[in-house]
Amino acid sequence: MNLIKDRILEQRKEKGWTQKFLASAIKTTEDSIYSWEKGRSEPSVDFIISLVKVFDVSADYLLGIKDF
């Protein structure tokens, strides 16, 4: 089960951010965000760290290990 794609999409939409805005915030491309949200690829550890920081969530939550 790949929860990270769902969590990225959920957090981005909850904050009202576009893929373009999120990509800019973590210094990647819109295509990367799209691919992550579709489950075509997964972010590297460095991008997971960036996502955790901008979303203000735990890595355990983002990775689907915990639900909070």
Protein backbone atom coordinates (compact mmCIF):
# COMPACT_ATOMS: atom_id res chain seq x y z
CA MET A 1 0.00 0.00 0.00
CA ASN A 2 1.48 3.32 -1.09
CA LEU A 3 0.13 5.96 1.28
CA ILE A 4 2.77 8.61 0.58
CA LYS A 5 1.11 9.58 -2.72
CA ASP A 6 -2.22 10.05 -0.96
CA ARG A 7 -0.68 11.99 1.92
CA ILE A 8 1.17 14.38 -0.40
CA LEU A 9 -2.02 15.10 -2.35
CA GLU A 10 -4.09 15.40 0.83
CA GLN A 11 -1.68 17.81 2.50
CA ARG A 12 -1.24 19.94 -0.62
CA LYS A 13 -4.98 20.29 -1.16
CA GLU A 14 -5.64 20.89 2.55
CA LYS A 15 -3.28 23.85 2.39
CA GLY A 16 -4.82 25.09 -0.88
CA TRP A 17 -1.51 24.83 -2.72
CA THR A 18 -1.05 24.12 -6.41
CA GLN A 19 1.46 21.57 -7.61
CA LYS A 20 3.46 24.50 -8.98
CA PHE A 21 3.53 26.23 -5.58
CA LEU A 22 4.60 23.06 -3.75
CA ALA A 23 7.27 22.34 -6.35
CA SER A 24 8.66 25.84 -5.91
CA ALA A 25 8.56 25.55 -2.09
CA ILE A 26 10.69 22.40 -2.09
CA LYS A 27 12.80 23.24 -5.15
CA THR A 28 11.63 20.55 -7.55
CA THR A 29 9.46 20.42 -10.66
CA GLU A 30 5.72 20.30 -11.12
CA ASP A 31 6.25 17.04 -13.00
CA SER A 32 7.84 15.51 -9.90
CA ILE A 33 4.89 16.50 -7.73
CA TYR A 34 2.47 15.10 -10.32
CA SER A 35 4.40 11.82 -10.51
CA TRP A 36 4.49 11.47 -6.72
CA GLU A 37 0.77 12.14 -6.40
CA LYS A 38 -0.04 9.61 -9.12
CA GLY A 39 2.23 6.98 -7.55
CA ARG A 40 4.46 6.83 -10.62
CA SER A 41 7.51 7.62 -8.54
CA GLU A 42 8.35 8.43 -4.94
CA PRO A 43 10.27 11.34 -3.47
CA SER A 44 13.85 10.84 -2.38
CA VAL A 45 14.75 11.05 1.30
CA ASP A 46 15.83 14.66 0.82
CA PHE A 47 12.45 15.57 -0.66
CA ILE A 48 10.61 13.67 2.06
CA ILE A 49 12.45 15.83 4.60
CA SER A 50 11.45 18.95 2.66
CA LEU A 51 7.82 17.82 2.44
CA VAL A 52 7.69 17.11 6.17
CA LYS A 53 8.94 20.62 6.86
CA VAL A 54 6.61 22.49 4.50
CA PHE A 55 3.56 20.44 5.48
CA ASP A 56 4.49 20.54 9.18
CA VAL A 57 3.76 16.82 9.64
CA SER A 58 5.85 13.91 10.88
CA ALA A 59 7.71 11.62 8.51
CA ASP A 60 5.77 8.73 10.04
CA TYR A 61 2.53 10.37 8.98
CA LEU A 62 3.73 11.24 5.48
CA LEU A 63 5.01 7.71 4.94
CA GLY A 64 1.78 6.16 6.21
CA ILE A 65 3.32 4.59 9.30
CA LYS A 66 1.04 6.55 11.65
CA ASP A 67 -2.29 8.25 11.09
CA PHE A 68 -1.51 11.44 13.00
